[in-house]
Amino acid sequence: MKKIKLKRLVLTFFLLPSLLLAQHTIKGVFSPAEDYSVVLLYKSMPTVSNYIASSEIKEDGSFQFQLDSTMTKGIYKIVYAIPQEDYNFDVIYNAKEDVELTFNAETGVTFQKSFENKLLTSYTNSMAMVTQAIANYYSQQNKDTIALKAIFKTQKETQENFEKTAKGSIVFQFIKANKPYIPKKYVDFKTYVKQLKDHYFDYIDFNNKILQSSSFLEEKMLNYVFGMLSKTKDEINNYKDNIDVFCTVIKPTPLEVKRILLVDLWQQMVDLNKEAVANYLAETYLMDIAVALNDQHLLHGLVVYRDTSVGNEAPDFSFEMTKEGEKTIKRLSELSEYKNYVVVFWSTTCSYCLDEIPRLQAFAKTLEKGLVKVIAIAIEDEDIKWKTLKLNYPEFIHIYGKGKWDNEIGNSYGVTATPTYFILDKDKKIISKPEDVEALKAWFTKDL
């Protein structure tokens, strides 16, 4: 299973009484305007986001949401593209002020109006500057201890001043949770890094519903797992150790919130092809959560991904073969004539496949006899076009995958997109999962 996206964003339409008057607005400008057509507004909760409204983006890039008295304070999400889980950003709404912003994909969101959102931006920028000053000090191997103490003093005062300014507002919860480890005296670089890691989660309340409703906890999790790495360990063990620490920290957190965070982390590892880490996370923590929540979809996806990871025996399946006019039923596990097998899932309705499959055929023809056999599984809603197109590739073993995305073979391999490739050895163990024909060619020619 390549993608498990936990759908936090749920379409829940509200029928609002026509007499309710708009009190505040969230408005802004997207640029370049031609890249966007519509934005959606959601009220974000810890485990779900409720749809509020949509707004057309005008020719000048502007949009506007009118918010009435039923729109309570909290975290709202503005979605500007699909998949919604990837293309959105948070907005703090305190039900006391209008929010005005600009957005550009390269520079992100900038708030022109809104005390709370502007304060959070100012805090983030100010703390980033101090953090950069600390990094510069250590990187230059500066021996001026007074200078470092001054930087730490500035960091402490900056944190305290922003907390004081934000007191009583929603943004205070983010500023307080983001408080870093600040030494009270001079420390060397090694000590500083260790303490920074040891105290990373000191001020984060994972049961805070405002934090749960935002992207804050996810960002802190990812920064810790991917950023707090030790030079004495390899990458995989670094990730595993950091996952262990994080999962210990969130033990008291509700299972639904844990699931959202850990599914996102698991997906990050999958996207980065860190199979060993993804499977460790699944087997050590995430599968238990799926069982406890009776989330069969998640559990199935985790198991399929594990079972189709490199090093495992490929899921077996049967198919019909015709040789010398005689039809027989074969199984993948029974094939033995070739050193390698390429299992490719494709579709006649996939334009990318129609470009890749001929290139796969051309490359296969350049390989020595007996090296590779291609097994092409076409996942289709109907077989009319497939019956014609498969004739162009007589060297392949062709299998009709009836049912498209509900096909049994495709499901056993976790196929969610076409084309999808698996390279197997003679014993039918998965030895590579190239993303495309070019990656497949690179694998076969890596030793040449």
Protein backbone atom coordinates (compact mmCIF):
# COMPACT_ATOMS: atom_id res chain seq x y z
CA MET A 1 0.00 0.00 0.00
CA LYS A 2 1.71 3.17 -1.15
CA LYS A 3 -0.52 5.78 0.47
CA ILE A 4 -2.46 5.82 3.68
CA LYS A 5 -3.86 9.29 4.10
CA LEU A 6 -5.84 9.78 7.27
CA LYS A 7 -8.70 12.01 6.20
CA ARG A 8 -8.79 14.70 8.83
CA LEU A 9 -10.62 16.96 6.38
CA VAL A 10 -14.25 15.87 6.20
CA LEU A 11 -16.99 17.56 4.22
CA THR A 12 -19.70 18.47 6.72
CA PHE A 13 -22.01 21.11 5.32
CA PHE A 14 -23.80 23.51 7.63
CA LEU A 15 -27.17 25.00 6.76
CA LEU A 16 -26.93 28.45 8.32
CA PRO A 17 -30.00 30.57 9.13
CA SER A 18 -30.23 33.43 6.68
CA LEU A 19 -30.74 35.96 9.46
CA LEU A 20 -27.28 35.47 10.95
CA LEU A 21 -25.15 38.51 10.25
CA ALA A 22 -21.52 38.35 9.25
CA GLN A 23 -19.30 39.69 12.02
CA HIS A 24 -15.78 39.22 10.69
CA THR A 25 -13.98 38.20 7.52
CA ILE A 26 -11.03 36.09 6.47
CA LYS A 27 -9.82 37.48 3.19
CA GLY A 28 -6.67 37.63 1.15
CA VAL A 29 -4.89 37.40 -2.16
CA PHE A 30 -3.29 34.37 -3.80
CA SER A 31 -0.50 34.85 -6.32
CA PRO A 32 -0.02 34.15 -9.10
CA ALA A 33 -3.81 34.33 -9.39
CA GLU A 34 -3.98 32.08 -12.45
CA ASP A 35 -2.64 29.14 -10.45
CA TYR A 36 -5.68 29.03 -8.18
CA SER A 37 -9.42 28.83 -8.70
CA VAL A 38 -11.09 28.19 -5.36
CA VAL A 39 -10.24 28.01 -1.65
CA LEU A 40 -12.05 26.05 1.05
CA LEU A 41 -12.40 26.96 4.70
CA TYR A 42 -12.52 24.34 7.48
CA LYS A 43 -12.86 24.59 11.25
CA SER A 44 -10.12 22.31 12.52
CA MET A 45 -10.68 20.02 15.49
CA PRO A 46 -8.26 17.50 17.06
CA THR A 47 -9.32 14.56 14.86
CA VAL A 48 -11.51 16.05 12.13
CA SER A 49 -11.98 19.29 10.23
CA ASN A 50 -15.49 20.50 9.44
CA TYR A 51 -16.23 22.19 6.14
CA ILE A 52 -17.43 25.77 6.52
CA ALA A 53 -17.47 27.42 3.10
CA SER A 54 -15.78 27.86 -0.26
CA SER A 55 -14.74 31.03 -2.02
CA GLU A 56 -13.94 31.61 -5.66
CA ILE A 57 -10.57 33.21 -6.32
CA LYS A 58 -11.11 36.21 -8.55
CA GLU A 59 -8.95 37.33 -11.45
CA ASP A 60 -6.86 39.51 -9.15
CA GLY A 61 -6.26 36.55 -6.80
CA SER A 62 -8.56 37.82 -4.07
CA PHE A 63 -10.97 35.76 -1.97
CA GLN A 64 -13.16 36.40 1.06
CA PHE A 65 -15.03 34.42 3.71
CA GLN A 66 -17.77 36.06 5.74
CA LEU A 67 -17.89 34.68 9.28
CA ASP A 68 -21.03 35.05 11.38
CA SER A 69 -21.58 34.73 15.12
CA THR A 70 -21.72 30.91 14.96
CA MET A 71 -18.07 30.76 13.93
CA THR A 72 -16.32 30.15 17.23
CA LYS A 73 -12.69 30.95 17.96
CA GLY A 74 -10.03 28.34 17.23
CA ILE A 75 -7.89 27.00 14.40
CA TYR A 76 -9.18 27.21 10.84
CA LYS A 77 -7.60 25.70 7.74
CA ILE A 78 -7.55 27.22 4.30
CA VAL A 79 -7.26 24.58 1.58
CA TYR A 80 -6.11 25.76 -1.84
CA ALA A 81 -5.38 22.58 -3.84
CA ILE A 82 -5.61 18.80 -3.76
CA PRO A 83 -4.74 16.57 -2.04
CA GLN A 84 -6.23 18.67 0.74
CA GLU A 85 -3.98 17.11 3.37
CA ASP A 86 -0.91 18.57 1.66
CA TYR A 87 -2.11 21.93 0.39
CA ASN A 88 -3.45 23.89 3.32
CA PHE A 89 -2.32 26.27 6.05
CA ASP A 90 -3.56 27.22 9.51
CA VAL A 91 -5.23 30.47 10.48
CA ILE A 92 -5.88 31.50 14.09
CA TYR A 93 -9.34 33.07 14.44
CA ASN A 94 -10.25 34.61 17.80
CA ALA A 95 -13.77 35.77 16.81
CA LYS A 96 -12.74 39.33 17.68
CA GLU A 97 -10.94 40.55 14.56
CA ASP A 98 -10.74 40.28 10.80
CA VAL A 99 -7.96 38.27 9.21
CA GLU A 100 -6.23 39.45 6.05
CA LEU A 101 -3.40 37.63 4.29
CA THR A 102 -1.46 37.00 1.11
CA PHE A 103 -0.24 33.62 -0.09
CA ASN A 104 2.40 32.55 -2.56
CA ALA A 105 3.53 28.92 -2.98
CA GLU A 106 7.19 29.91 -2.76
CA THR A 107 7.07 32.38 0.13
CA GLY A 108 4.08 30.95 2.01
CA VAL A 109 1.45 32.90 3.92
CA THR A 110 1.90 36.47 5.16
CA PHE A 111 -0.64 38.14 7.43
CA GLN A 112 -1.45 41.82 6.87
CA LYS A 113 -4.21 42.01 9.49
CA SER A 114 -4.79 39.91 12.65
CA PHE A 115 -3.00 40.53 15.93
CA GLU A 116 -2.68 36.82 16.78
CA ASN A 117 -1.41 35.58 13.43
CA LYS A 118 1.00 38.49 13.02
CA LEU A 119 2.29 37.96 16.56
CA LEU A 120 2.99 34.28 15.87
CA THR A 121 4.88 35.22 12.70
CA SER A 122 6.88 37.86 14.57
CA TYR A 123 7.69 35.38 17.34
CA THR A 124 8.79 32.69 14.87
CA ASN A 125 11.04 35.13 13.00
CA SER A 126 12.54 36.57 16.18
CA MET A 127 13.36 33.17 17.67
CA ALA A 128 14.78 32.02 14.34
CA MET A 129 17.20 34.94 14.36
CA VAL A 130 18.40 34.06 17.86
CA THR A 131 18.74 30.40 16.91
CA GLN A 132 20.84 31.43 13.90
CA ALA A 133 23.07 33.52 16.16
CA ILE A 134 23.65 30.47 18.40
CA ALA A 135 24.46 28.33 15.35
CA ASN A 136 26.89 30.95 14.06
CA TYR A 137 28.63 31.14 17.42
CA TYR A 138 29.26 27.41 17.63
CA SER A 139 30.13 26.99 13.95
CA GLN A 140 32.82 29.66 14.24
CA GLN A 141 34.22 27.89 17.32
CA ASN A 142 34.06 31.17 19.16
CA LYS A 143 35.69 31.14 22.61
CA ASP A 144 34.00 34.32 23.85
CA THR A 145 31.79 32.85 26.60
CA ILE A 146 30.36 36.26 27.45
CA ALA A 147 29.03 36.62 23.91
CA LEU A 148 27.25 33.26 24.11
CA LYS A 149 25.73 34.11 27.49
CA ALA A 150 24.42 37.33 25.95
CA ILE A 151 22.76 35.39 23.14
CA PHE A 152 21.11 33.02 25.60
CA LYS A 153 19.95 36.04 27.63
CA THR A 154 18.42 37.54 24.49
CA GLN A 155 16.70 34.24 23.73
CA LYS A 156 15.24 34.07 27.24
CA GLU A 157 14.02 37.66 27.17
CA THR A 158 12.53 37.23 23.70
CA GLN A 159 10.58 34.18 24.81
CA GLU A 160 9.36 35.92 27.99
CA ASN A 161 8.36 39.11 26.19
CA PHE A 162 6.30 37.27 23.58
CA GLU A 163 4.62 35.13 26.23
CA LYS A 164 3.71 38.29 28.14
CA THR A 165 2.33 39.98 25.01
CA ALA A 166 0.32 36.88 24.02
CA LYS A 167 -1.12 36.20 27.49
CA GLY A 168 -4.83 35.37 27.30
CA SER A 169 -4.86 34.79 23.55
CA ILE A 170 -4.92 31.64 21.45
CA VAL A 171 -1.43 32.28 20.13
CA PHE A 172 -0.05 32.12 23.67
CA GLN A 173 -0.49 28.35 23.60
CA PHE A 174 1.79 28.04 20.55
CA ILE A 175 4.43 30.42 21.91
CA LYS A 176 4.53 28.64 25.27
CA ALA A 177 4.70 25.17 23.66
CA ASN A 178 7.52 26.25 21.38
CA LYS A 179 9.77 27.41 24.22
CA PRO A 180 13.24 25.95 23.59
CA TYR A 181 15.90 24.74 25.98
CA ILE A 182 17.78 27.85 27.12
CA PRO A 183 21.02 27.29 29.12
CA LYS A 184 21.51 29.40 32.23
CA LYS A 185 25.25 29.46 31.74
CA TYR A 186 27.89 28.78 29.11
CA VAL A 187 27.82 25.23 27.68
CA ASP A 188 29.96 23.68 24.97
CA PHE A 189 28.42 22.62 21.68
CA LYS A 190 28.18 18.91 22.50
CA THR A 191 26.40 19.62 25.78
CA TYR A 192 24.10 22.15 24.14
CA VAL A 193 22.98 19.72 21.42
CA LYS A 194 22.38 16.95 23.95
CA GLN A 195 20.35 19.19 26.24
CA LEU A 196 18.43 20.62 23.30
CA LYS A 197 17.35 17.11 22.37
CA ASP A 198 16.69 15.98 25.95
CA HIS A 199 14.41 18.95 26.63
CA TYR A 200 12.80 19.21 23.19
CA PHE A 201 9.30 18.28 24.37
CA ASP A 202 9.39 19.91 27.84
CA TYR A 203 6.76 22.55 27.16
CA ILE A 204 4.51 20.73 24.69
CA ASP A 205 1.15 19.55 25.98
CA PHE A 206 0.05 16.85 23.54
CA ASN A 207 -3.41 16.89 25.12
CA ASN A 208 -3.95 20.58 24.31
CA LYS A 209 -6.89 20.70 21.90
CA ILE A 210 -5.73 23.88 20.19
CA LEU A 211 -2.34 22.33 19.43
CA GLN A 212 -4.03 19.09 18.36
CA SER A 213 -6.21 21.05 15.93
CA SER A 214 -3.23 22.70 14.24
CA SER A 215 -0.19 21.48 12.34
CA PHE A 216 2.06 22.37 15.30
CA LEU A 217 2.37 18.89 16.84
CA GLU A 218 3.04 17.30 13.47
CA GLU A 219 5.77 19.81 12.68
CA LYS A 220 7.43 19.35 16.07
CA MET A 221 7.32 15.57 15.63
CA LEU A 222 8.89 15.69 12.18
CA ASN A 223 11.55 18.19 13.24
CA TYR A 224 12.54 15.94 16.12
CA VAL A 225 12.58 12.63 14.25
CA PHE A 226 14.39 13.96 11.19
CA GLY A 227 16.43 16.73 12.80
CA MET A 228 17.74 15.37 16.10
CA LEU A 229 20.24 12.88 14.68
CA SER A 230 23.36 11.53 16.35
CA LYS A 231 26.62 11.22 14.43
CA THR A 232 27.43 8.01 16.32
CA LYS A 233 24.48 6.10 14.83
CA ASP A 234 23.42 5.19 11.33
CA GLU A 235 20.35 6.80 9.81
CA ILE A 236 17.95 3.91 10.44
CA ASN A 237 18.84 3.57 14.12
CA ASN A 238 18.70 7.33 14.55
CA TYR A 239 15.15 7.36 13.23
CA LYS A 240 14.12 4.35 15.31
CA ASP A 241 15.52 5.83 18.52
CA ASN A 242 13.81 9.16 17.88
CA ILE A 243 10.52 7.38 17.17
CA ASP A 244 10.85 5.53 20.48
CA VAL A 245 11.37 8.79 22.34
CA PHE A 246 8.45 10.49 20.62
CA CYS A 247 6.08 7.57 21.21
CA THR A 248 7.03 7.57 24.89
CA VAL A 249 6.26 11.28 25.14
CA ILE A 250 2.79 10.89 23.58
CA LYS A 251 1.73 7.88 25.67
CA PRO A 252 -0.96 9.84 27.57
CA THR A 253 -2.35 11.25 24.31
CA PRO A 254 -5.73 9.96 22.99
CA LEU A 255 -5.42 7.10 20.50
CA GLU A 256 -7.14 9.06 17.71
CA VAL A 257 -4.56 11.83 17.97
CA LYS A 258 -1.71 9.32 18.12
CA ARG A 259 -3.03 7.68 14.98
CA ILE A 260 -3.07 10.95 13.05
CA LEU A 261 0.49 11.84 14.06
CA LEU A 262 2.01 8.40 13.57
CA VAL A 263 0.25 7.75 10.27
CA ASP A 264 1.73 11.00 9.00
CA LEU A 265 5.19 9.98 10.21
CA TRP A 266 4.77 6.52 8.68
CA GLN A 267 3.76 8.11 5.37
CA GLN A 268 6.83 10.34 5.44
CA MET A 269 9.04 7.27 5.80
CA VAL A 270 7.19 5.50 2.99
CA ASP A 271 7.58 8.49 0.67
CA LEU A 272 11.31 8.60 1.46
CA ASN A 273 11.62 4.83 0.78
CA LYS A 274 12.71 4.18 4.38
CA GLU A 275 11.01 0.78 4.45
CA ALA A 276 12.84 -0.55 7.50
CA VAL A 277 11.85 2.49 9.54
CA ALA A 278 8.27 2.56 8.27
CA ASN A 279 7.82 -1.11 9.16
CA TYR A 280 9.44 -0.61 12.57
CA LEU A 281 7.02 2.20 13.34
CA ALA A 282 4.09 0.11 12.14
CA GLU A 283 4.98 -3.09 13.96
CA THR A 284 6.11 -1.45 17.21
CA TYR A 285 3.39 1.17 17.61
CA LEU A 286 0.94 1.83 14.80
CA MET A 287 -0.53 -1.64 14.34
CA ASP A 288 -1.47 -1.78 18.02
CA ILE A 289 -3.24 1.55 17.68
CA ALA A 290 -5.09 0.34 14.59
CA VAL A 291 -6.24 -2.77 16.48
CA ALA A 292 -7.31 -0.76 19.52
CA LEU A 293 -9.37 1.58 17.31
CA ASN A 294 -10.64 -1.31 15.14
CA ASP A 295 -9.27 0.52 12.10
CA GLN A 296 -9.16 -2.38 9.68
CA HIS A 297 -8.33 -0.19 6.70
CA LEU A 298 -5.21 1.17 8.36
CA LEU A 299 -4.17 -2.22 9.68
CA HIS A 300 -4.57 -3.83 6.25
CA GLY A 301 -2.52 -1.08 4.61
CA LEU A 302 0.31 -1.43 7.11
CA VAL A 303 0.40 -5.22 6.67
CA VAL A 304 0.34 -5.02 2.87
CA TYR A 305 3.16 -2.48 2.83
CA ARG A 306 5.24 -4.65 5.15
CA ASP A 307 4.59 -7.77 3.11
CA THR A 308 5.57 -6.07 -0.14
CA SER A 309 8.73 -4.45 1.20
CA VAL A 310 12.10 -5.28 -0.34
CA GLY A 311 13.41 -8.62 0.91
CA ASN A 312 10.00 -10.27 1.32
CA GLU A 313 8.57 -12.94 -0.93
CA ALA A 314 6.17 -11.40 -3.41
CA PRO A 315 2.47 -12.22 -2.89
CA ASP A 316 1.60 -15.25 -4.97
CA PHE A 317 -1.17 -15.30 -7.56
CA SER A 318 -2.46 -17.55 -10.33
CA PHE A 319 -2.97 -16.72 -13.99
CA GLU A 320 -3.80 -18.39 -17.30
CA MET A 321 -1.06 -19.11 -19.83
CA THR A 322 -1.36 -20.33 -23.39
CA LYS A 323 1.51 -22.36 -24.83
CA GLU A 324 1.33 -24.07 -28.20
CA GLY A 325 -2.41 -23.50 -28.21
CA GLU A 326 -2.93 -25.18 -24.83
CA LYS A 327 -4.19 -23.19 -21.85
CA THR A 328 -2.86 -23.94 -18.38
CA ILE A 329 -3.16 -22.33 -14.95
CA LYS A 330 0.13 -21.20 -13.50
CA ARG A 331 1.21 -19.51 -10.28
CA LEU A 332 3.88 -16.87 -9.91
CA SER A 333 5.72 -19.11 -7.45
CA GLU A 334 5.94 -21.87 -10.06
CA LEU A 335 7.85 -19.84 -12.65
CA SER A 336 11.50 -20.83 -12.87
CA GLU A 337 12.89 -20.06 -16.33
CA TYR A 338 14.20 -16.56 -15.64
CA LYS A 339 16.72 -14.94 -13.34
CA ASN A 340 14.44 -11.98 -12.67
CA TYR A 341 10.79 -11.13 -13.07
CA VAL A 342 9.30 -7.66 -13.46
CA VAL A 343 5.73 -7.36 -12.25
CA VAL A 344 4.17 -4.18 -13.61
CA PHE A 345 0.67 -2.95 -12.83
CA TRP A 346 -0.63 -0.76 -15.63
CA SER A 347 -3.89 0.37 -17.22
CA THR A 348 -5.04 1.15 -20.73
CA THR A 349 -6.72 4.30 -19.36
CA CYS A 350 -3.43 5.57 -17.91
CA SER A 351 -1.68 7.88 -20.39
CA TYR A 352 1.61 7.62 -18.49
CA CYS A 353 1.41 3.81 -18.76
CA LEU A 354 0.89 4.02 -22.51
CA ASP A 355 4.20 5.87 -22.66
CA GLU A 356 6.08 3.66 -20.18
CA ILE A 357 5.04 0.17 -21.30
CA PRO A 358 6.55 0.47 -24.82
CA ARG A 359 9.77 1.76 -23.25
CA LEU A 360 9.76 -1.19 -20.86
CA GLN A 361 9.33 -3.54 -23.80
CA ALA A 362 12.17 -1.89 -25.74
CA PHE A 363 14.52 -2.15 -22.76
CA ALA A 364 13.61 -5.78 -22.04
CA LYS A 365 14.51 -6.67 -25.62
CA THR A 366 18.06 -5.37 -25.05
CA LEU A 367 18.68 -7.76 -22.15
CA GLU A 368 20.24 -11.17 -22.56
CA LYS A 369 17.92 -14.12 -23.02
CA GLY A 370 16.73 -15.70 -19.79
CA LEU A 371 17.44 -12.62 -17.65
CA VAL A 372 14.00 -11.00 -17.35
CA LYS A 373 10.37 -11.89 -17.88
CA VAL A 374 7.76 -9.15 -17.66
CA ILE A 375 4.42 -9.93 -16.06
CA ALA A 376 2.02 -7.15 -17.04
CA ILE A 377 -1.11 -6.92 -14.92
CA ALA A 378 -3.66 -4.55 -16.43
CA ILE A 379 -6.09 -3.30 -13.79
CA GLU A 380 -9.19 -2.33 -15.75
CA ASP A 381 -12.90 -1.68 -15.50
CA GLU A 382 -13.40 -3.50 -18.81
CA ASP A 383 -11.17 -5.60 -21.07
CA ILE A 384 -12.06 -4.42 -24.59
CA LYS A 385 -9.14 -2.03 -25.11
CA TRP A 386 -6.75 -4.28 -23.18
CA LYS A 387 -7.40 -7.26 -25.49
CA THR A 388 -6.18 -5.18 -28.41
CA LEU A 389 -3.25 -3.39 -26.77
CA LYS A 390 -1.73 -6.48 -25.19
CA LEU A 391 -1.08 -7.85 -28.67
CA ASN A 392 1.62 -5.19 -29.05
CA TYR A 393 3.63 -6.89 -26.30
CA PRO A 394 3.77 -10.61 -27.15
CA GLU A 395 6.89 -11.11 -24.98
CA PHE A 396 4.99 -10.30 -21.79
CA ILE A 397 2.86 -12.52 -19.62
CA HIS A 398 -0.48 -10.68 -19.63
CA ILE A 399 -2.99 -10.78 -16.80
CA TYR A 400 -6.36 -9.04 -16.82
CA GLY A 401 -6.94 -7.33 -13.47
CA LYS A 402 -10.70 -7.16 -13.37
CA GLY A 403 -12.22 -4.63 -10.99
CA LYS A 404 -9.60 -1.90 -11.40
CA TRP A 405 -8.75 -0.70 -7.85
CA ASP A 406 -10.70 -3.57 -6.31
CA ASN A 407 -8.64 -6.19 -8.08
CA GLU A 408 -7.41 -8.96 -5.77
CA ILE A 409 -3.85 -9.07 -7.12
CA GLY A 410 -3.48 -5.31 -7.11
CA ASN A 411 -4.79 -5.11 -3.56
CA SER A 412 -2.36 -7.78 -2.37
CA TYR A 413 0.49 -5.63 -3.72
CA GLY A 414 -0.95 -2.40 -2.30
CA VAL A 415 -1.27 -0.80 -5.73
CA THR A 416 -2.81 2.68 -5.63
CA ALA A 417 -1.33 4.12 -8.82
CA THR A 418 -0.25 2.99 -12.27
CA PRO A 419 2.29 2.12 -13.42
CA THR A 420 3.72 0.36 -10.37
CA TYR A 421 6.81 -1.84 -10.70
CA PHE A 422 8.27 -4.70 -8.68
CA ILE A 423 11.53 -6.48 -9.55
CA LEU A 424 11.72 -10.06 -8.26
CA ASP A 425 14.61 -12.51 -8.14
CA LYS A 426 14.36 -16.11 -9.31
CA ASP A 427 12.91 -17.12 -5.91
CA LYS A 428 10.19 -14.43 -6.27
CA LYS A 429 11.61 -12.24 -3.53
CA ILE A 430 11.13 -8.52 -4.01
CA ILE A 431 14.52 -6.95 -4.65
CA SER A 432 13.52 -3.51 -5.91
CA LYS A 433 10.49 -1.27 -6.39
CA PRO A 434 11.53 1.27 -9.06
CA GLU A 435 9.35 4.33 -9.53
CA ASP A 436 9.49 4.27 -13.32
CA VAL A 437 11.16 2.68 -16.34
CA GLU A 438 14.25 4.86 -16.00
CA ALA A 439 14.78 3.68 -12.43
CA LEU A 440 14.15 0.10 -13.53
CA LYS A 441 16.75 0.42 -16.28
CA ALA A 442 19.22 1.93 -13.81
CA TRP A 443 18.75 -1.04 -11.48
CA PHE A 444 19.49 -3.60 -14.19
CA THR A 445 22.49 -1.70 -15.52
CA LYS A 446 24.00 -0.60 -12.18
CA ASP A 447 26.82 -3.13 -12.37
CA LEU A 448 27.67 -2.51 -16.01
